[in-house]
Each structure stands twice: as C-alpha cells, then as structure tokens.
Amino acid sequence: MVLVVCALALPLAAWQTEQQSEQVYELGKGVEPPRPIHQVSPEHPAKGFRVSGTVLIGLIVSSKGEPAEVHVIRSLEQDVDRSAVDAVKQWRFNPATKDGKPVAVKISVEIRFHDM
C-alpha cells in the first residue's frame, strides 16, 4: 500500500530556476499554495520486496501546474526513490497564486510506503 501526502515546504527565498525563466516564489506572504488535481501513485519496483517508510520529494510547481526539478530530499531505498520521483513527475496541480495570478513555487511531497 502507498499513501501519498502532499506537504508544502517551509518558505524559501524566491529564486530563478535553471530550466525555467519564471521566478519561483516562497509560500506565505500572499502566495497561495498549489493544489494537486492529478496524482499518480508510485509503482512498486520489485514484486515481493517489503519496504516501509517515507520518501521526501522536492519539486517546483510551475505557473502552469506542472512539476519541474523533481528530486529526492530524504531517501528510503534507491528503487523506491526512483519510483516515487517517476510518479510525482506525472502529477498536475492547480498552480500557486500571488495577487490572483499563477506563479511557480517550491514545495515538498511525502510519499509513504507501507509493507510493499
């Protein structure tokens, strides 16, 4: 069983992404967080393999609601981590907003694995 939890990251200073030309904002201070509208659960990388724990994934949600720069912040096991990253790359969001306009923000997502 996989439990997917969307957890927003602690506020970070606004910065430019390497792959995007849009500014990435911190949460809070008038920035409303993104909301997941399509989530894909990770697939188990190997049948019969048992693992429990949490993978923490960091990402940027673009102003179009697409994930970018998806990476592991806290690892569980290499194949499980890769499965979590591959799943989050397929997620879609209602983007964060600032002053009513869509903006990019940096967030983190917890993916919890239970006795797979």
N, C-alpha and C. Protein backbone atom coordinates (compact mmCIF):
# COMPACT_ATOMS: atom_id res chain seq x y z
N MET A 1 0.85 -1.17 0.00
CA MET A 1 0.00 0.00 0.00
C MET A 1 0.90 1.23 0.00
N VAL A 2 0.49 2.25 -0.76
CA VAL A 2 1.22 3.50 -0.82
C VAL A 2 0.29 4.62 -0.40
N LEU A 3 0.72 5.45 0.51
CA LEU A 3 -0.04 6.61 0.94
C LEU A 3 0.69 7.83 0.43
N VAL A 4 0.00 8.68 -0.30
CA VAL A 4 0.61 9.87 -0.86
C VAL A 4 0.13 11.07 -0.08
N VAL A 5 1.06 11.85 0.43
CA VAL A 5 0.74 13.04 1.21
C VAL A 5 1.42 14.22 0.57
N CYS A 6 0.67 15.27 0.30
CA CYS A 6 1.28 16.49 -0.24
C CYS A 6 1.56 17.41 0.93
N ALA A 7 2.82 17.71 1.12
CA ALA A 7 3.22 18.60 2.22
C ALA A 7 4.01 19.75 1.62
N LEU A 8 3.63 20.93 1.97
CA LEU A 8 4.31 22.09 1.43
C LEU A 8 5.60 22.35 2.18
N ALA A 9 6.59 22.77 1.46
CA ALA A 9 7.90 23.03 2.05
C ALA A 9 7.86 24.28 2.92
N LEU A 10 8.84 24.39 3.78
CA LEU A 10 8.99 25.62 4.54
C LEU A 10 9.30 26.75 3.57
N PRO A 11 8.94 27.97 3.89
CA PRO A 11 9.19 29.08 2.98
C PRO A 11 10.67 29.19 2.61
N LEU A 12 10.91 29.43 1.34
CA LEU A 12 12.26 29.63 0.82
C LEU A 12 12.28 30.93 0.06
N ALA A 13 13.43 31.53 -0.04
CA ALA A 13 13.55 32.78 -0.79
C ALA A 13 13.22 32.55 -2.26
N ALA A 14 12.64 33.54 -2.89
CA ALA A 14 12.34 33.44 -4.31
C ALA A 14 13.64 33.33 -5.08
N TRP A 15 13.64 32.49 -6.13
CA TRP A 15 14.85 32.31 -6.92
C TRP A 15 14.47 31.89 -8.33
N GLN A 16 15.39 32.00 -9.24
CA GLN A 16 15.17 31.60 -10.63
C GLN A 16 15.58 30.15 -10.80
N THR A 17 14.80 29.37 -11.53
CA THR A 17 15.18 28.00 -11.81
C THR A 17 16.13 27.98 -12.99
N GLU A 18 16.92 26.94 -13.07
CA GLU A 18 17.84 26.79 -14.18
C GLU A 18 17.09 26.45 -15.47
N GLN A 19 16.03 25.67 -15.34
CA GLN A 19 15.32 25.18 -16.51
C GLN A 19 14.12 26.04 -16.89
N GLN A 20 13.77 26.98 -16.06
CA GLN A 20 12.61 27.81 -16.32
C GLN A 20 13.02 29.27 -16.25
N SER A 21 12.31 30.08 -16.99
CA SER A 21 12.61 31.51 -16.95
C SER A 21 11.70 32.25 -15.99
N GLU A 22 10.78 31.54 -15.34
CA GLU A 22 9.88 32.23 -14.41
C GLU A 22 10.46 32.24 -13.00
N GLN A 23 10.08 33.24 -12.25
CA GLN A 23 10.53 33.37 -10.88
C GLN A 23 9.79 32.35 -10.01
N VAL A 24 10.49 31.78 -9.05
CA VAL A 24 9.90 30.82 -8.12
C VAL A 24 9.76 31.53 -6.78
N TYR A 25 8.54 31.53 -6.25
CA TYR A 25 8.23 32.26 -5.01
C TYR A 25 8.24 31.35 -3.81
N GLU A 26 8.36 31.97 -2.64
CA GLU A 26 8.21 31.26 -1.39
C GLU A 26 6.73 31.21 -1.03
N LEU A 27 6.37 30.22 -0.25
CA LEU A 27 5.00 30.12 0.22
C LEU A 27 4.79 31.11 1.36
N GLY A 28 3.56 31.54 1.54
CA GLY A 28 3.26 32.55 2.55
C GLY A 28 3.36 33.92 1.92
N LYS A 29 3.25 34.95 2.71
CA LYS A 29 3.39 36.33 2.24
C LYS A 29 2.54 36.60 1.00
N GLY A 30 1.29 36.18 1.04
CA GLY A 30 0.39 36.45 -0.07
C GLY A 30 0.44 35.44 -1.21
N VAL A 31 1.22 34.37 -1.04
CA VAL A 31 1.29 33.32 -2.06
C VAL A 31 0.45 32.13 -1.59
N GLU A 32 -0.58 31.83 -2.35
CA GLU A 32 -1.44 30.69 -2.03
C GLU A 32 -0.81 29.42 -2.60
N PRO A 33 -0.80 28.32 -1.85
CA PRO A 33 -0.13 27.10 -2.31
C PRO A 33 -0.84 26.43 -3.48
N PRO A 34 -0.08 25.62 -4.23
CA PRO A 34 -0.71 24.85 -5.31
C PRO A 34 -1.54 23.72 -4.72
N ARG A 35 -2.47 23.22 -5.51
CA ARG A 35 -3.33 22.11 -5.08
C ARG A 35 -3.21 20.98 -6.09
N PRO A 36 -2.91 19.76 -5.61
CA PRO A 36 -2.83 18.64 -6.55
C PRO A 36 -4.21 18.36 -7.16
N ILE A 37 -4.26 18.18 -8.47
CA ILE A 37 -5.51 17.83 -9.14
C ILE A 37 -5.42 16.47 -9.83
N HIS A 38 -4.18 15.98 -10.00
CA HIS A 38 -3.98 14.64 -10.57
C HIS A 38 -2.73 14.05 -9.93
N GLN A 39 -2.93 12.96 -9.18
CA GLN A 39 -1.81 12.29 -8.52
C GLN A 39 -1.67 10.88 -9.07
N VAL A 40 -0.44 10.46 -9.27
CA VAL A 40 -0.13 9.11 -9.70
C VAL A 40 0.62 8.45 -8.56
N SER A 41 0.16 7.27 -8.15
CA SER A 41 0.85 6.54 -7.09
C SER A 41 2.08 5.84 -7.66
N PRO A 42 3.14 5.76 -6.87
CA PRO A 42 4.33 5.06 -7.34
C PRO A 42 4.06 3.58 -7.54
N GLU A 43 4.73 3.02 -8.52
CA GLU A 43 4.66 1.57 -8.73
C GLU A 43 5.76 0.92 -7.93
N HIS A 44 5.46 -0.26 -7.45
CA HIS A 44 6.48 -0.99 -6.69
C HIS A 44 7.52 -1.53 -7.66
N PRO A 45 8.80 -1.26 -7.41
CA PRO A 45 9.85 -1.65 -8.35
C PRO A 45 10.11 -3.15 -8.42
N ALA A 46 9.82 -3.90 -7.36
CA ALA A 46 10.09 -5.34 -7.38
C ALA A 46 9.03 -6.08 -6.59
N LYS A 47 8.44 -7.07 -7.20
CA LYS A 47 7.42 -7.87 -6.51
C LYS A 47 8.05 -8.64 -5.35
N GLY A 48 7.33 -8.72 -4.25
CA GLY A 48 7.80 -9.48 -3.11
C GLY A 48 8.78 -8.73 -2.21
N PHE A 49 9.15 -7.53 -2.60
CA PHE A 49 10.08 -6.71 -1.81
C PHE A 49 9.26 -5.96 -0.78
N ARG A 50 9.68 -6.01 0.48
CA ARG A 50 8.92 -5.35 1.53
C ARG A 50 9.68 -4.13 2.02
N VAL A 51 8.98 -3.00 2.03
CA VAL A 51 9.61 -1.76 2.49
C VAL A 51 8.54 -0.88 3.13
N SER A 52 8.92 -0.22 4.21
CA SER A 52 8.06 0.76 4.87
C SER A 52 8.88 2.00 5.14
N GLY A 53 8.27 3.15 4.97
CA GLY A 53 8.95 4.39 5.25
C GLY A 53 8.46 5.50 4.35
N THR A 54 9.18 6.62 4.37
CA THR A 54 8.76 7.81 3.65
C THR A 54 9.89 8.34 2.79
N VAL A 55 9.54 8.67 1.56
CA VAL A 55 10.46 9.37 0.67
C VAL A 55 9.98 10.81 0.60
N LEU A 56 10.88 11.76 0.82
CA LEU A 56 10.52 13.17 0.72
C LEU A 56 11.03 13.68 -0.62
N ILE A 57 10.12 14.17 -1.43
CA ILE A 57 10.41 14.65 -2.77
C ILE A 57 10.30 16.17 -2.80
N GLY A 58 11.30 16.83 -3.34
CA GLY A 58 11.26 18.27 -3.56
C GLY A 58 10.98 18.55 -5.02
N LEU A 59 10.27 19.61 -5.29
CA LEU A 59 9.95 19.97 -6.66
C LEU A 59 9.53 21.42 -6.75
N ILE A 60 9.49 21.90 -7.97
CA ILE A 60 8.91 23.20 -8.26
C ILE A 60 7.62 22.94 -9.02
N VAL A 61 6.55 23.59 -8.60
CA VAL A 61 5.30 23.55 -9.36
C VAL A 61 5.28 24.83 -10.17
N SER A 62 5.28 24.68 -11.49
CA SER A 62 5.32 25.84 -12.38
C SER A 62 4.01 26.61 -12.34
N SER A 63 4.00 27.76 -12.96
CA SER A 63 2.77 28.56 -13.03
C SER A 63 1.72 27.88 -13.92
N LYS A 64 2.10 26.83 -14.63
CA LYS A 64 1.16 26.03 -15.43
C LYS A 64 0.68 24.80 -14.67
N GLY A 65 1.17 24.62 -13.43
CA GLY A 65 0.75 23.48 -12.62
C GLY A 65 1.51 22.20 -12.90
N GLU A 66 2.65 22.32 -13.57
CA GLU A 66 3.45 21.15 -13.92
C GLU A 66 4.66 21.03 -12.99
N PRO A 67 5.03 19.80 -12.61
CA PRO A 67 6.20 19.61 -11.77
C PRO A 67 7.49 19.81 -12.56
N ALA A 68 8.49 20.36 -11.91
CA ALA A 68 9.81 20.55 -12.51
C ALA A 68 10.87 20.33 -11.44
N GLU A 69 12.06 19.99 -11.87
CA GLU A 69 13.19 19.79 -10.96
C GLU A 69 12.82 18.86 -9.81
N VAL A 70 12.17 17.75 -10.13
CA VAL A 70 11.75 16.76 -9.13
C VAL A 70 12.99 15.99 -8.65
N HIS A 71 13.18 15.96 -7.33
CA HIS A 71 14.36 15.31 -6.77
C HIS A 71 14.07 14.77 -5.37
N VAL A 72 14.89 13.83 -4.92
CA VAL A 72 14.75 13.23 -3.60
C VAL A 72 15.45 14.10 -2.56
N ILE A 73 14.73 14.45 -1.52
CA ILE A 73 15.31 15.18 -0.39
C ILE A 73 15.69 14.19 0.71
N ARG A 74 14.79 13.25 1.00
CA ARG A 74 15.06 12.21 2.00
C ARG A 74 14.77 10.86 1.37
N SER A 75 15.79 10.03 1.34
CA SER A 75 15.75 8.75 0.63
C SER A 75 15.25 7.62 1.52
N LEU A 76 14.69 6.61 0.87
CA LEU A 76 14.29 5.39 1.55
C LEU A 76 15.11 4.21 1.01
N GLU A 77 15.07 4.01 -0.28
CA GLU A 77 15.81 2.95 -0.97
C GLU A 77 15.84 3.34 -2.44
N GLN A 78 16.93 3.13 -3.12
CA GLN A 78 17.13 3.68 -4.47
C GLN A 78 16.00 3.38 -5.44
N ASP A 79 15.56 2.14 -5.55
CA ASP A 79 14.49 1.80 -6.49
C ASP A 79 13.16 2.41 -6.07
N VAL A 80 12.92 2.45 -4.77
CA VAL A 80 11.68 3.05 -4.26
C VAL A 80 11.71 4.55 -4.49
N ASP A 81 12.86 5.18 -4.25
CA ASP A 81 13.01 6.62 -4.50
C ASP A 81 12.70 6.93 -5.97
N ARG A 82 13.28 6.15 -6.86
CA ARG A 82 13.09 6.38 -8.30
C ARG A 82 11.61 6.24 -8.68
N SER A 83 10.95 5.26 -8.09
CA SER A 83 9.52 5.07 -8.35
C SER A 83 8.71 6.27 -7.87
N ALA A 84 9.07 6.81 -6.71
CA ALA A 84 8.37 7.99 -6.18
C ALA A 84 8.60 9.20 -7.08
N VAL A 85 9.84 9.42 -7.51
CA VAL A 85 10.15 10.55 -8.40
C VAL A 85 9.39 10.41 -9.71
N ASP A 86 9.40 9.21 -10.30
CA ASP A 86 8.70 8.99 -11.57
C ASP A 86 7.20 9.28 -11.43
N ALA A 87 6.61 8.90 -10.30
CA ALA A 87 5.19 9.16 -10.07
C ALA A 87 4.92 10.65 -9.95
N VAL A 88 5.71 11.36 -9.15
CA VAL A 88 5.47 12.79 -8.92
C VAL A 88 5.65 13.59 -10.21
N LYS A 89 6.53 13.15 -11.09
CA LYS A 89 6.71 13.83 -12.38
C LYS A 89 5.43 13.83 -13.21
N GLN A 90 4.52 12.91 -12.91
CA GLN A 90 3.26 12.81 -13.65
C GLN A 90 2.12 13.58 -13.00
N TRP A 91 2.35 14.12 -11.83
CA TRP A 91 1.32 14.88 -11.12
C TRP A 91 1.02 16.18 -11.86
N ARG A 92 -0.19 16.69 -11.62
CA ARG A 92 -0.58 18.01 -12.12
C ARG A 92 -1.26 18.76 -10.97
N PHE A 93 -1.12 20.08 -11.00
CA PHE A 93 -1.60 20.93 -9.92
C PHE A 93 -2.40 22.10 -10.46
N ASN A 94 -3.31 22.62 -9.62
CA ASN A 94 -3.77 23.98 -9.81
C ASN A 94 -2.60 24.80 -9.27
N PRO A 95 -2.04 25.70 -10.05
CA PRO A 95 -0.82 26.38 -9.61
C PRO A 95 -1.04 27.28 -8.40
N ALA A 96 0.06 27.59 -7.75
CA ALA A 96 0.03 28.58 -6.67
C ALA A 96 -0.34 29.92 -7.28
N THR A 97 -0.85 30.82 -6.45
CA THR A 97 -1.20 32.15 -6.95
C THR A 97 -0.64 33.23 -6.04
N LYS A 98 -0.34 34.35 -6.66
CA LYS A 98 0.09 35.56 -5.94
C LYS A 98 -0.65 36.71 -6.58
N ASP A 99 -1.38 37.45 -5.78
CA ASP A 99 -2.20 38.55 -6.29
C ASP A 99 -3.14 38.06 -7.39
N GLY A 100 -3.65 36.84 -7.21
CA GLY A 100 -4.61 36.27 -8.16
C GLY A 100 -4.02 35.73 -9.45
N LYS A 101 -2.71 35.78 -9.59
CA LYS A 101 -2.06 35.30 -10.82
C LYS A 101 -1.26 34.04 -10.52
N PRO A 102 -1.24 33.07 -11.45
CA PRO A 102 -0.47 31.85 -11.23
C PRO A 102 1.03 32.14 -11.16
N VAL A 103 1.70 31.50 -10.19
CA VAL A 103 3.14 31.65 -10.03
C VAL A 103 3.76 30.28 -9.73
N ALA A 104 5.05 30.17 -9.94
CA ALA A 104 5.80 28.96 -9.60
C ALA A 104 6.23 29.02 -8.14
N VAL A 105 6.19 27.86 -7.47
CA VAL A 105 6.63 27.76 -6.07
C VAL A 105 7.38 26.46 -5.87
N LYS A 106 8.22 26.46 -4.84
CA LYS A 106 8.95 25.26 -4.46
C LYS A 106 8.20 24.60 -3.30
N ILE A 107 7.95 23.28 -3.44
CA ILE A 107 7.26 22.53 -2.39
C ILE A 107 7.97 21.21 -2.16
N SER A 108 7.51 20.48 -1.17
CA SER A 108 7.95 19.10 -0.96
C SER A 108 6.72 18.23 -0.79
N VAL A 109 6.89 16.96 -1.15
CA VAL A 109 5.81 15.98 -1.09
C VAL A 109 6.34 14.74 -0.38
N GLU A 110 5.58 14.24 0.59
CA GLU A 110 5.93 12.99 1.25
C GLU A 110 5.21 11.85 0.57
N ILE A 111 5.96 10.81 0.22
CA ILE A 111 5.37 9.59 -0.31
C ILE A 111 5.65 8.50 0.73
N ARG A 112 4.59 7.98 1.33
CA ARG A 112 4.73 6.97 2.40
C ARG A 112 4.48 5.59 1.82
N PHE A 113 5.39 4.70 2.08
CA PHE A 113 5.28 3.30 1.66
C PHE A 113 5.05 2.43 2.89
N HIS A 114 4.08 1.52 2.79
CA HIS A 114 3.76 0.62 3.91
C HIS A 114 3.80 -0.81 3.45
N ASP A 115 4.74 -1.56 3.96
CA ASP A 115 4.87 -3.00 3.72
C ASP A 115 4.53 -3.42 2.30
N MET A 116 5.30 -2.90 1.37
CA MET A 116 5.08 -3.27 -0.02
C MET A 116 5.81 -4.56 -0.31
